[in-house]
Amino acid sequence: MLTSGWWRDTLQLGIGGYTTHPLATGRDPGATGLLRPDGDGLSVLGQVWGKLRVGVATATLFRQEIELPFINGDDTRMIPNMFEAYRLDIKPSDVFRLGFAYVTREKTKTSAEFRPMSEVAGVPGVDRGTSVVGFLLGAKDATYIGAVDELTWDLLNIAYVEASKTWRLSNGFELRGELQFIDQQSVGHELLG
């Protein structure tokens, strides 16, 4: 991954490629999740993004990593999932963050192609992206509440809420409690059924 510095504290660019190839393969090399399903290797330009920062707002445009409850890198293999997305993060203070995104395409771990979010979800031949809005109030390593809504038009809507409280009982020992709520619904033309 190559990342530039911030030009005039306003513009930053990044580019990153990924590759995986077999050295020796068994009977079912695609089953490892490290290669394409047919056992072939792959190379992909997974990240190509620009960030534009103005005040408390930062826009990240094009191919990038995203880490949300249901849209994420699932980074358990050589190559993570990557996304073509247009994102705006607003952080007016250290304890409040607001985010908006439109995710058009996803490249899964064993693919070099970016496909529409609706196709990755299981509806071939349909080109729908996913709209995302969310917030985080508090500090992720202490006490916080956050919520994200992910809407893939005419397919599904997923609402996710998480709250957490950390109690520091002594030096080096803490207790943490978390609550999570998820609601998933078919929406619009309900193309997933």
N, C-alpha and C. Protein backbone atom coordinates (compact mmCIF):
# COMPACT_ATOMS: atom_id res chain seq x y z
N MET A 1 0.85 -1.17 0.00
CA MET A 1 0.00 0.00 0.00
C MET A 1 0.89 1.23 0.00
N LEU A 2 0.66 2.11 -0.94
CA LEU A 2 1.37 3.38 -0.99
C LEU A 2 0.38 4.49 -0.68
N THR A 3 0.76 5.35 0.25
CA THR A 3 -0.10 6.46 0.65
C THR A 3 0.73 7.74 0.64
N SER A 4 0.20 8.76 0.03
CA SER A 4 0.89 10.05 0.02
C SER A 4 0.67 10.75 1.36
N GLY A 5 1.42 11.80 1.59
CA GLY A 5 1.14 12.67 2.72
C GLY A 5 -0.04 13.56 2.36
N TRP A 6 -0.46 14.39 3.30
CA TRP A 6 -1.56 15.32 3.03
C TRP A 6 -1.01 16.56 2.32
N TRP A 7 -1.47 16.79 1.10
CA TRP A 7 -1.08 17.99 0.35
C TRP A 7 -1.93 19.16 0.85
N ARG A 8 -1.28 20.17 1.39
CA ARG A 8 -1.96 21.35 1.94
C ARG A 8 -3.02 20.98 2.97
N ASP A 9 -2.78 19.88 3.66
CA ASP A 9 -3.70 19.38 4.70
C ASP A 9 -5.11 19.15 4.15
N THR A 10 -5.19 18.90 2.82
CA THR A 10 -6.50 18.78 2.17
C THR A 10 -6.65 17.52 1.33
N LEU A 11 -5.59 17.09 0.64
CA LEU A 11 -5.70 15.98 -0.32
C LEU A 11 -4.67 14.90 -0.01
N GLN A 12 -5.14 13.64 0.01
CA GLN A 12 -4.27 12.50 0.19
C GLN A 12 -4.66 11.43 -0.82
N LEU A 13 -3.67 10.72 -1.38
CA LEU A 13 -3.93 9.68 -2.36
C LEU A 13 -3.36 8.35 -1.87
N GLY A 14 -4.01 7.26 -2.27
CA GLY A 14 -3.53 5.94 -1.89
C GLY A 14 -3.76 4.93 -2.99
N ILE A 15 -2.87 3.94 -3.08
CA ILE A 15 -3.00 2.87 -4.07
C ILE A 15 -2.42 1.60 -3.46
N GLY A 16 -3.09 0.47 -3.67
CA GLY A 16 -2.62 -0.79 -3.12
C GLY A 16 -3.05 -1.96 -3.96
N GLY A 17 -2.13 -2.87 -4.20
CA GLY A 17 -2.43 -4.06 -4.97
C GLY A 17 -2.32 -5.30 -4.10
N TYR A 18 -2.96 -6.36 -4.54
CA TYR A 18 -2.98 -7.63 -3.82
C TYR A 18 -2.75 -8.75 -4.83
N THR A 19 -2.05 -9.79 -4.39
CA THR A 19 -1.85 -10.93 -5.27
C THR A 19 -1.71 -12.20 -4.44
N THR A 20 -2.15 -13.30 -4.98
CA THR A 20 -1.98 -14.62 -4.38
C THR A 20 -1.91 -15.64 -5.52
N HIS A 21 -0.93 -16.55 -5.42
CA HIS A 21 -0.74 -17.55 -6.47
C HIS A 21 -0.35 -18.88 -5.83
N PRO A 22 -0.76 -20.00 -6.44
CA PRO A 22 -0.43 -21.31 -5.87
C PRO A 22 1.02 -21.70 -6.15
N LEU A 23 1.66 -22.28 -5.16
CA LEU A 23 2.98 -22.89 -5.38
C LEU A 23 2.81 -24.37 -5.68
N ALA A 24 1.91 -25.00 -4.96
CA ALA A 24 1.56 -26.40 -5.19
C ALA A 24 0.09 -26.53 -4.81
N THR A 25 -0.66 -27.27 -5.60
CA THR A 25 -2.09 -27.39 -5.33
C THR A 25 -2.48 -28.84 -5.11
N GLY A 26 -3.48 -29.02 -4.28
CA GLY A 26 -4.02 -30.35 -4.02
C GLY A 26 -5.18 -30.64 -4.94
N ARG A 27 -6.07 -31.50 -4.49
CA ARG A 27 -7.22 -31.91 -5.31
C ARG A 27 -8.24 -30.80 -5.49
N ASP A 28 -8.46 -30.00 -4.48
CA ASP A 28 -9.47 -28.95 -4.54
C ASP A 28 -8.85 -27.62 -4.08
N PRO A 29 -7.96 -27.03 -4.88
CA PRO A 29 -7.23 -25.85 -4.43
C PRO A 29 -8.12 -24.63 -4.18
N GLY A 30 -9.26 -24.55 -4.84
CA GLY A 30 -10.16 -23.42 -4.63
C GLY A 30 -10.85 -23.43 -3.29
N ALA A 31 -10.87 -24.57 -2.62
CA ALA A 31 -11.58 -24.69 -1.34
C ALA A 31 -10.83 -24.00 -0.20
N THR A 32 -9.58 -23.61 -0.42
CA THR A 32 -8.82 -22.97 0.65
C THR A 32 -9.29 -21.56 0.93
N GLY A 33 -9.95 -20.93 -0.02
CA GLY A 33 -10.33 -19.53 0.13
C GLY A 33 -9.17 -18.59 -0.10
N LEU A 34 -8.03 -19.12 -0.55
CA LEU A 34 -6.86 -18.31 -0.85
C LEU A 34 -6.72 -18.01 -2.33
N LEU A 35 -7.39 -18.80 -3.17
CA LEU A 35 -7.30 -18.69 -4.61
C LEU A 35 -8.69 -18.56 -5.20
N ARG A 36 -8.76 -18.37 -6.51
CA ARG A 36 -10.07 -18.38 -7.18
C ARG A 36 -10.69 -19.76 -7.00
N PRO A 37 -12.01 -19.88 -7.17
CA PRO A 37 -12.65 -21.19 -7.01
C PRO A 37 -12.06 -22.29 -7.89
N ASP A 38 -11.50 -21.92 -9.08
CA ASP A 38 -10.90 -22.93 -9.96
C ASP A 38 -9.45 -23.24 -9.59
N GLY A 39 -8.92 -22.61 -8.55
CA GLY A 39 -7.56 -22.88 -8.10
C GLY A 39 -6.52 -21.95 -8.68
N ASP A 40 -6.91 -21.08 -9.62
CA ASP A 40 -5.97 -20.11 -10.19
C ASP A 40 -5.69 -19.00 -9.19
N GLY A 41 -4.52 -18.41 -9.32
CA GLY A 41 -4.17 -17.25 -8.51
C GLY A 41 -4.85 -16.00 -9.04
N LEU A 42 -4.66 -14.90 -8.34
CA LEU A 42 -5.24 -13.65 -8.81
C LEU A 42 -4.40 -12.48 -8.36
N SER A 43 -4.47 -11.42 -9.13
CA SER A 43 -3.84 -10.14 -8.81
C SER A 43 -4.87 -9.06 -9.06
N VAL A 44 -4.93 -8.09 -8.17
CA VAL A 44 -5.94 -7.06 -8.30
C VAL A 44 -5.44 -5.75 -7.71
N LEU A 45 -5.80 -4.66 -8.35
CA LEU A 45 -5.55 -3.34 -7.80
C LEU A 45 -6.73 -3.05 -6.87
N GLY A 46 -6.58 -3.42 -5.62
CA GLY A 46 -7.69 -3.40 -4.67
C GLY A 46 -8.03 -2.03 -4.12
N GLN A 47 -7.02 -1.18 -3.96
CA GLN A 47 -7.27 0.15 -3.42
C GLN A 47 -6.72 1.22 -4.35
N VAL A 48 -7.54 2.15 -4.70
CA VAL A 48 -7.17 3.34 -5.45
C VAL A 48 -8.12 4.41 -4.95
N TRP A 49 -7.64 5.27 -4.08
CA TRP A 49 -8.56 6.23 -3.48
C TRP A 49 -7.92 7.61 -3.35
N GLY A 50 -8.80 8.58 -3.22
CA GLY A 50 -8.40 9.93 -2.90
C GLY A 50 -9.21 10.38 -1.69
N LYS A 51 -8.56 11.09 -0.79
CA LYS A 51 -9.25 11.66 0.36
C LYS A 51 -9.17 13.17 0.26
N LEU A 52 -10.29 13.79 0.49
CA LEU A 52 -10.39 15.25 0.48
C LEU A 52 -10.88 15.68 1.84
N ARG A 53 -10.07 16.48 2.56
CA ARG A 53 -10.42 16.89 3.91
C ARG A 53 -10.67 18.39 3.95
N VAL A 54 -11.83 18.75 4.48
CA VAL A 54 -12.19 20.16 4.68
C VAL A 54 -12.77 20.29 6.08
N GLY A 55 -12.05 20.96 6.95
CA GLY A 55 -12.51 21.12 8.33
C GLY A 55 -12.66 19.77 9.01
N VAL A 56 -13.85 19.49 9.55
CA VAL A 56 -14.09 18.24 10.28
C VAL A 56 -14.59 17.12 9.37
N ALA A 57 -14.71 17.39 8.07
CA ALA A 57 -15.25 16.41 7.13
C ALA A 57 -14.14 15.85 6.23
N THR A 58 -14.18 14.53 6.01
CA THR A 58 -13.24 13.87 5.11
C THR A 58 -14.03 12.98 4.16
N ALA A 59 -13.84 13.20 2.85
CA ALA A 59 -14.46 12.36 1.83
C ALA A 59 -13.41 11.39 1.32
N THR A 60 -13.77 10.12 1.21
CA THR A 60 -12.90 9.09 0.64
C THR A 60 -13.60 8.54 -0.58
N LEU A 61 -12.91 8.58 -1.74
CA LEU A 61 -13.55 8.26 -3.00
C LEU A 61 -12.87 7.10 -3.71
N PHE A 62 -13.63 6.19 -4.21
CA PHE A 62 -13.32 5.05 -5.08
C PHE A 62 -12.92 3.81 -4.30
N ARG A 63 -11.97 3.01 -4.75
CA ARG A 63 -11.68 1.68 -4.18
C ARG A 63 -10.99 1.80 -2.83
N GLN A 64 -11.61 1.18 -1.80
CA GLN A 64 -11.13 1.38 -0.44
C GLN A 64 -11.55 0.24 0.47
N GLU A 65 -10.93 0.23 1.65
CA GLU A 65 -11.35 -0.67 2.72
C GLU A 65 -12.52 -0.03 3.45
N ILE A 66 -13.46 -0.86 3.88
CA ILE A 66 -14.57 -0.40 4.72
C ILE A 66 -14.73 -1.42 5.83
N GLU A 67 -14.92 -0.95 7.05
CA GLU A 67 -15.11 -1.84 8.19
C GLU A 67 -16.38 -1.45 8.93
N LEU A 68 -17.48 -2.05 8.52
CA LEU A 68 -18.79 -1.86 9.13
C LEU A 68 -19.32 -3.23 9.56
N PRO A 69 -20.41 -3.29 10.31
CA PRO A 69 -20.90 -4.60 10.77
C PRO A 69 -21.16 -5.62 9.65
N PHE A 70 -21.72 -5.23 8.52
CA PHE A 70 -22.04 -6.20 7.47
C PHE A 70 -21.35 -5.90 6.15
N ILE A 71 -20.64 -4.82 6.06
CA ILE A 71 -19.84 -4.48 4.89
C ILE A 71 -18.43 -4.29 5.41
N ASN A 72 -17.57 -5.31 5.17
CA ASN A 72 -16.23 -5.24 5.75
C ASN A 72 -15.26 -6.13 4.98
N GLY A 73 -14.00 -6.04 5.34
CA GLY A 73 -12.95 -6.76 4.66
C GLY A 73 -12.95 -8.25 4.89
N ASP A 74 -13.63 -8.72 5.96
CA ASP A 74 -13.62 -10.14 6.29
C ASP A 74 -12.21 -10.67 6.09
N ASP A 75 -11.26 -9.99 6.69
CA ASP A 75 -9.84 -10.19 6.45
C ASP A 75 -9.32 -11.46 7.12
N THR A 76 -9.76 -12.61 6.61
CA THR A 76 -9.34 -13.89 7.16
C THR A 76 -8.45 -14.66 6.20
N ARG A 77 -8.16 -14.10 5.04
CA ARG A 77 -7.35 -14.77 4.04
C ARG A 77 -6.27 -13.81 3.54
N MET A 78 -5.62 -14.17 2.45
CA MET A 78 -4.54 -13.35 1.88
C MET A 78 -5.04 -11.99 1.41
N ILE A 79 -6.22 -11.98 0.80
CA ILE A 79 -6.76 -10.75 0.21
C ILE A 79 -8.12 -10.46 0.85
N PRO A 80 -8.32 -9.26 1.40
CA PRO A 80 -9.61 -8.93 2.00
C PRO A 80 -10.63 -8.53 0.94
N ASN A 81 -11.90 -8.45 1.34
CA ASN A 81 -12.91 -7.84 0.48
C ASN A 81 -12.57 -6.36 0.35
N MET A 82 -12.81 -5.79 -0.83
CA MET A 82 -12.58 -4.36 -1.08
C MET A 82 -13.83 -3.79 -1.71
N PHE A 83 -13.97 -2.47 -1.64
CA PHE A 83 -15.21 -1.84 -2.08
C PHE A 83 -14.95 -0.60 -2.94
N GLU A 84 -15.78 -0.42 -3.96
CA GLU A 84 -15.84 0.86 -4.65
C GLU A 84 -16.92 1.65 -3.95
N ALA A 85 -16.53 2.76 -3.34
CA ALA A 85 -17.47 3.50 -2.50
C ALA A 85 -17.12 4.97 -2.49
N TYR A 86 -18.09 5.76 -2.08
CA TYR A 86 -17.97 7.21 -1.96
C TYR A 86 -18.46 7.54 -0.56
N ARG A 87 -17.53 7.96 0.30
CA ARG A 87 -17.78 8.04 1.73
C ARG A 87 -17.49 9.43 2.26
N LEU A 88 -18.29 9.85 3.23
CA LEU A 88 -18.09 11.12 3.91
C LEU A 88 -18.12 10.86 5.41
N ASP A 89 -17.01 11.17 6.10
CA ASP A 89 -16.92 11.03 7.55
C ASP A 89 -16.82 12.43 8.15
N ILE A 90 -17.66 12.69 9.14
CA ILE A 90 -17.67 13.98 9.82
C ILE A 90 -17.38 13.72 11.29
N LYS A 91 -16.33 14.36 11.81
CA LYS A 91 -15.92 14.17 13.20
C LYS A 91 -15.79 15.54 13.87
N PRO A 92 -16.91 16.09 14.36
CA PRO A 92 -16.86 17.42 14.96
C PRO A 92 -16.19 17.46 16.33
N SER A 93 -16.06 16.29 17.00
CA SER A 93 -15.39 16.24 18.30
C SER A 93 -14.78 14.86 18.50
N ASP A 94 -14.03 14.69 19.59
CA ASP A 94 -13.42 13.41 19.88
C ASP A 94 -14.43 12.34 20.30
N VAL A 95 -15.65 12.76 20.65
CA VAL A 95 -16.64 11.79 21.14
C VAL A 95 -17.86 11.67 20.23
N PHE A 96 -17.83 12.29 19.05
CA PHE A 96 -18.96 12.15 18.13
C PHE A 96 -18.46 12.06 16.71
N ARG A 97 -18.98 11.06 16.00
CA ARG A 97 -18.61 10.85 14.61
C ARG A 97 -19.86 10.48 13.82
N LEU A 98 -19.98 11.01 12.62
CA LEU A 98 -21.12 10.76 11.74
C LEU A 98 -20.58 10.33 10.38
N GLY A 99 -21.20 9.34 9.77
CA GLY A 99 -20.71 8.87 8.48
C GLY A 99 -21.82 8.58 7.50
N PHE A 100 -21.52 8.83 6.23
CA PHE A 100 -22.42 8.55 5.11
C PHE A 100 -21.60 7.88 4.02
N ALA A 101 -22.21 6.94 3.30
CA ALA A 101 -21.49 6.30 2.19
C ALA A 101 -22.48 5.77 1.17
N TYR A 102 -22.00 5.65 -0.04
CA TYR A 102 -22.71 4.90 -1.07
C TYR A 102 -21.69 3.91 -1.63
N VAL A 103 -21.95 2.61 -1.41
CA VAL A 103 -21.06 1.54 -1.83
C VAL A 103 -21.63 0.95 -3.10
N THR A 104 -20.91 1.10 -4.21
CA THR A 104 -21.44 0.64 -5.49
C THR A 104 -21.08 -0.80 -5.80
N ARG A 105 -19.82 -1.20 -5.49
CA ARG A 105 -19.35 -2.52 -5.88
C ARG A 105 -18.45 -3.13 -4.81
N GLU A 106 -18.36 -4.46 -4.84
CA GLU A 106 -17.50 -5.19 -3.93
C GLU A 106 -16.64 -6.17 -4.70
N LYS A 107 -15.38 -6.31 -4.27
CA LYS A 107 -14.49 -7.34 -4.76
C LYS A 107 -14.32 -8.32 -3.61
N THR A 108 -14.82 -9.53 -3.79
CA THR A 108 -14.71 -10.53 -2.73
C THR A 108 -13.28 -11.07 -2.67
N LYS A 109 -12.97 -11.81 -1.61
CA LYS A 109 -11.61 -12.28 -1.35
C LYS A 109 -11.00 -13.08 -2.48
N THR A 110 -11.78 -13.90 -3.16
CA THR A 110 -11.24 -14.80 -4.18
C THR A 110 -11.58 -14.33 -5.59
N SER A 111 -11.82 -13.04 -5.77
CA SER A 111 -12.15 -12.51 -7.08
C SER A 111 -11.28 -11.29 -7.37
N ALA A 112 -11.00 -11.06 -8.65
CA ALA A 112 -10.29 -9.85 -9.07
C ALA A 112 -11.26 -8.82 -9.61
N GLU A 113 -12.54 -9.17 -9.69
CA GLU A 113 -13.55 -8.28 -10.28
C GLU A 113 -14.38 -7.61 -9.20
N PHE A 114 -14.68 -6.35 -9.41
CA PHE A 114 -15.62 -5.63 -8.56
C PHE A 114 -17.01 -5.79 -9.16
N ARG A 115 -17.94 -6.35 -8.38
CA ARG A 115 -19.30 -6.61 -8.85
C ARG A 115 -20.30 -5.76 -8.06
N PRO A 116 -21.47 -5.46 -8.64
CA PRO A 116 -22.48 -4.68 -7.91
C PRO A 116 -22.84 -5.33 -6.58
N MET A 117 -23.12 -4.51 -5.59
CA MET A 117 -23.48 -5.01 -4.26
C MET A 117 -24.67 -5.97 -4.33
N SER A 118 -25.64 -5.69 -5.18
CA SER A 118 -26.82 -6.55 -5.31
C SER A 118 -26.44 -7.92 -5.86
N GLU A 119 -25.49 -7.95 -6.78
CA GLU A 119 -25.05 -9.23 -7.35
C GLU A 119 -24.30 -10.05 -6.30
N VAL A 120 -23.44 -9.41 -5.52
CA VAL A 120 -22.72 -10.11 -4.46
C VAL A 120 -23.71 -10.65 -3.42
N ALA A 121 -24.81 -9.92 -3.20
CA ALA A 121 -25.82 -10.36 -2.23
C ALA A 121 -26.65 -11.54 -2.74
N GLY A 122 -26.56 -11.83 -4.05
CA GLY A 122 -27.27 -13.00 -4.56
C GLY A 122 -28.29 -12.74 -5.64
N VAL A 123 -28.30 -11.54 -6.25
CA VAL A 123 -29.26 -11.23 -7.31
C VAL A 123 -28.48 -10.90 -8.58
N PRO A 124 -28.16 -11.93 -9.41
CA PRO A 124 -27.40 -11.67 -10.63
C PRO A 124 -28.17 -10.81 -11.63
N GLY A 125 -27.43 -10.00 -12.37
CA GLY A 125 -28.04 -9.16 -13.41
C GLY A 125 -28.70 -7.90 -12.89
N VAL A 126 -28.62 -7.64 -11.60
CA VAL A 126 -29.20 -6.43 -11.02
C VAL A 126 -28.06 -5.57 -10.47
N ASP A 127 -28.08 -4.29 -10.80
CA ASP A 127 -27.01 -3.38 -10.39
C ASP A 127 -27.53 -2.37 -9.38
N ARG A 128 -27.43 -2.72 -8.10
CA ARG A 128 -27.86 -1.83 -7.02
C ARG A 128 -26.69 -1.65 -6.06
N GLY A 129 -26.53 -0.43 -5.58
CA GLY A 129 -25.53 -0.15 -4.57
C GLY A 129 -26.17 -0.13 -3.19
N THR A 130 -25.35 0.13 -2.18
CA THR A 130 -25.82 0.17 -0.80
C THR A 130 -25.57 1.54 -0.21
N SER A 131 -26.62 2.16 0.31
CA SER A 131 -26.50 3.45 1.00
C SER A 131 -26.29 3.17 2.48
N VAL A 132 -25.38 3.93 3.10
CA VAL A 132 -25.03 3.71 4.50
C VAL A 132 -25.07 5.04 5.24
N VAL A 133 -25.64 5.02 6.44
CA VAL A 133 -25.57 6.17 7.34
C VAL A 133 -25.34 5.62 8.75
N GLY A 134 -24.51 6.30 9.52
CA GLY A 134 -24.23 5.82 10.86
C GLY A 134 -23.63 6.88 11.74
N PHE A 135 -23.60 6.59 13.05
CA PHE A 135 -22.97 7.50 14.00
C PHE A 135 -22.32 6.71 15.12
N LEU A 136 -21.38 7.34 15.80
CA LEU A 136 -20.74 6.79 16.98
C LEU A 136 -20.65 7.92 18.00
N LEU A 137 -21.19 7.69 19.18
CA LEU A 137 -21.16 8.66 20.27
C LEU A 137 -20.41 8.03 21.43
N GLY A 138 -19.30 8.62 21.82
CA GLY A 138 -18.46 8.08 22.89
C GLY A 138 -17.13 7.64 22.33
N ALA A 139 -16.36 6.93 23.13
CA ALA A 139 -15.05 6.44 22.72
C ALA A 139 -15.12 4.93 22.53
N LYS A 140 -14.65 4.44 21.39
CA LYS A 140 -14.75 3.02 21.04
C LYS A 140 -14.08 2.12 22.07
N ASP A 141 -13.08 2.62 22.81
CA ASP A 141 -12.40 1.79 23.80
C ASP A 141 -12.93 2.01 25.22
N ALA A 142 -14.06 2.71 25.36
CA ALA A 142 -14.61 2.96 26.70
C ALA A 142 -16.13 2.76 26.67
N THR A 143 -16.88 3.84 26.81
CA THR A 143 -18.33 3.76 26.78
C THR A 143 -18.83 4.44 25.51
N TYR A 144 -19.69 3.76 24.76
CA TYR A 144 -20.18 4.34 23.51
C TYR A 144 -21.51 3.72 23.11
N ILE A 145 -22.17 4.41 22.18
CA ILE A 145 -23.32 3.87 21.47
C ILE A 145 -23.13 4.24 20.01
N GLY A 146 -23.43 3.30 19.15
CA GLY A 146 -23.30 3.53 17.72
C GLY A 146 -24.41 2.83 16.97
N ALA A 147 -24.73 3.35 15.80
CA ALA A 147 -25.76 2.74 14.97
C ALA A 147 -25.39 2.91 13.50
N VAL A 148 -25.74 1.92 12.69
CA VAL A 148 -25.50 1.95 11.25
C VAL A 148 -26.74 1.40 10.56
N ASP A 149 -27.14 2.08 9.48
CA ASP A 149 -28.23 1.56 8.64
C ASP A 149 -27.66 1.36 7.24
N GLU A 150 -27.81 0.15 6.70
CA GLU A 150 -27.30 -0.21 5.38
C GLU A 150 -28.48 -0.63 4.50
N LEU A 151 -28.73 0.15 3.44
CA LEU A 151 -29.88 -0.07 2.57
C LEU A 151 -29.41 -0.38 1.16
N THR A 152 -29.66 -1.61 0.71
CA THR A 152 -29.42 -1.98 -0.69
C THR A 152 -30.77 -1.92 -1.38
N TRP A 153 -30.93 -0.94 -2.22
CA TRP A 153 -32.22 -0.61 -2.82
C TRP A 153 -32.86 -1.81 -3.51
N ASP A 154 -34.14 -2.02 -3.22
CA ASP A 154 -34.97 -3.10 -3.77
C ASP A 154 -34.53 -4.49 -3.30
N LEU A 155 -33.64 -4.57 -2.32
CA LEU A 155 -33.21 -5.86 -1.81
C LEU A 155 -33.45 -5.96 -0.31
N LEU A 156 -32.61 -5.24 0.47
CA LEU A 156 -32.72 -5.40 1.91
C LEU A 156 -32.22 -4.16 2.65
N ASN A 157 -32.67 -4.07 3.88
CA ASN A 157 -32.25 -3.01 4.78
C ASN A 157 -31.81 -3.66 6.09
N ILE A 158 -30.61 -3.30 6.55
CA ILE A 158 -30.09 -3.84 7.80
C ILE A 158 -29.80 -2.67 8.74
N ALA A 159 -30.43 -2.70 9.90
CA ALA A 159 -30.16 -1.71 10.95
C ALA A 159 -29.39 -2.41 12.06
N TYR A 160 -28.32 -1.77 12.52
CA TYR A 160 -27.47 -2.36 13.54
C TYR A 160 -27.19 -1.30 14.61
N VAL A 161 -27.39 -1.65 15.87
CA VAL A 161 -27.13 -0.75 17.00
C VAL A 161 -26.25 -1.50 17.98
N GLU A 162 -25.24 -0.80 18.51
CA GLU A 162 -24.35 -1.40 19.49
C GLU A 162 -24.06 -0.40 20.59
N ALA A 163 -24.08 -0.87 21.84
CA ALA A 163 -23.72 -0.04 22.99
C ALA A 163 -22.74 -0.82 23.84
N SER A 164 -21.80 -0.11 24.43
CA SER A 164 -20.77 -0.75 25.23
C SER A 164 -20.41 0.11 26.42
N LYS A 165 -20.10 -0.55 27.53
CA LYS A 165 -19.65 0.14 28.75
C LYS A 165 -18.47 -0.63 29.29
N THR A 166 -17.39 0.08 29.62
CA THR A 166 -16.20 -0.53 30.20
C THR A 166 -16.01 0.00 31.61
N TRP A 167 -15.80 -0.93 32.54
CA TRP A 167 -15.51 -0.56 33.92
C TRP A 167 -14.06 -0.94 34.19
N ARG A 168 -13.23 0.01 34.56
CA ARG A 168 -11.85 -0.26 34.93
C ARG A 168 -11.83 -0.58 36.42
N LEU A 169 -11.60 -1.84 36.75
CA LEU A 169 -11.67 -2.30 38.13
C LEU A 169 -10.36 -2.12 38.88
N SER A 170 -9.25 -2.23 38.18
CA SER A 170 -7.93 -2.00 38.78
C SER A 170 -6.94 -1.85 37.63
N ASN A 171 -5.70 -1.58 37.95
CA ASN A 171 -4.68 -1.48 36.90
C ASN A 171 -4.58 -2.81 36.17
N GLY A 172 -4.75 -2.78 34.87
CA GLY A 172 -4.63 -3.98 34.07
C GLY A 172 -5.84 -4.90 34.06
N PHE A 173 -6.94 -4.52 34.73
CA PHE A 173 -8.13 -5.37 34.74
C PHE A 173 -9.36 -4.51 34.52
N GLU A 174 -10.13 -4.88 33.52
CA GLU A 174 -11.38 -4.17 33.25
C GLU A 174 -12.47 -5.15 32.86
N LEU A 175 -13.68 -4.73 33.03
CA LEU A 175 -14.86 -5.52 32.70
C LEU A 175 -15.64 -4.74 31.65
N ARG A 176 -16.07 -5.46 30.61
CA ARG A 176 -16.77 -4.79 29.52
C ARG A 176 -18.09 -5.49 29.24
N GLY A 177 -19.13 -4.70 29.06
CA GLY A 177 -20.44 -5.23 28.68
C GLY A 177 -20.88 -4.60 27.38
N GLU A 178 -21.46 -5.41 26.50
CA GLU A 178 -21.93 -4.91 25.20
C GLU A 178 -23.32 -5.43 24.91
N LEU A 179 -24.10 -4.60 24.26
CA LEU A 179 -25.42 -4.97 23.75
C LEU A 179 -25.44 -4.69 22.26
N GLN A 180 -26.04 -5.61 21.50
CA GLN A 180 -26.17 -5.43 20.06
C GLN A 180 -27.59 -5.75 19.65
N PHE A 181 -28.08 -5.01 18.64
CA PHE A 181 -29.40 -5.25 18.09
C PHE A 181 -29.29 -5.18 16.57
N ILE A 182 -29.92 -6.14 15.89
CA ILE A 182 -29.90 -6.18 14.43
C ILE A 182 -31.32 -6.39 13.94
N ASP A 183 -31.72 -5.62 12.93
CA ASP A 183 -33.00 -5.81 12.27
C ASP A 183 -32.75 -5.85 10.77
N GLN A 184 -33.19 -6.93 10.11
CA GLN A 184 -33.00 -7.07 8.67
C GLN A 184 -34.35 -7.27 8.02
N GLN A 185 -34.62 -6.49 6.97
CA GLN A 185 -35.91 -6.53 6.28
C GLN A 185 -35.71 -6.51 4.77
N SER A 186 -36.59 -7.19 4.03
CA SER A 186 -36.65 -7.01 2.58
C SER A 186 -37.30 -5.67 2.30
N VAL A 187 -36.87 -5.00 1.24
CA VAL A 187 -37.42 -3.68 0.92
C VAL A 187 -37.69 -3.56 -0.58
N GLY A 188 -38.51 -2.56 -0.93
CA GLY A 188 -38.80 -2.25 -2.32
C GLY A 188 -39.36 -3.42 -3.08
N HIS A 189 -38.73 -3.78 -4.18
CA HIS A 189 -39.18 -4.91 -5.00
C HIS A 189 -38.82 -6.26 -4.40
N GLU A 190 -38.12 -6.26 -3.29
CA GLU A 190 -37.76 -7.49 -2.57
C GLU A 190 -37.13 -8.52 -3.50
N LEU A 191 -36.10 -8.11 -4.22
CA LEU A 191 -35.47 -8.98 -5.23
C LEU A 191 -34.80 -10.20 -4.63
N LEU A 192 -34.50 -10.17 -3.33
CA LEU A 192 -33.95 -11.35 -2.67
C LEU A 192 -35.03 -12.29 -2.14
N GLY A 193 -36.27 -11.80 -2.12
CA GLY A 193 -37.36 -12.62 -1.61
C GLY A 193 -37.54 -12.47 -0.13
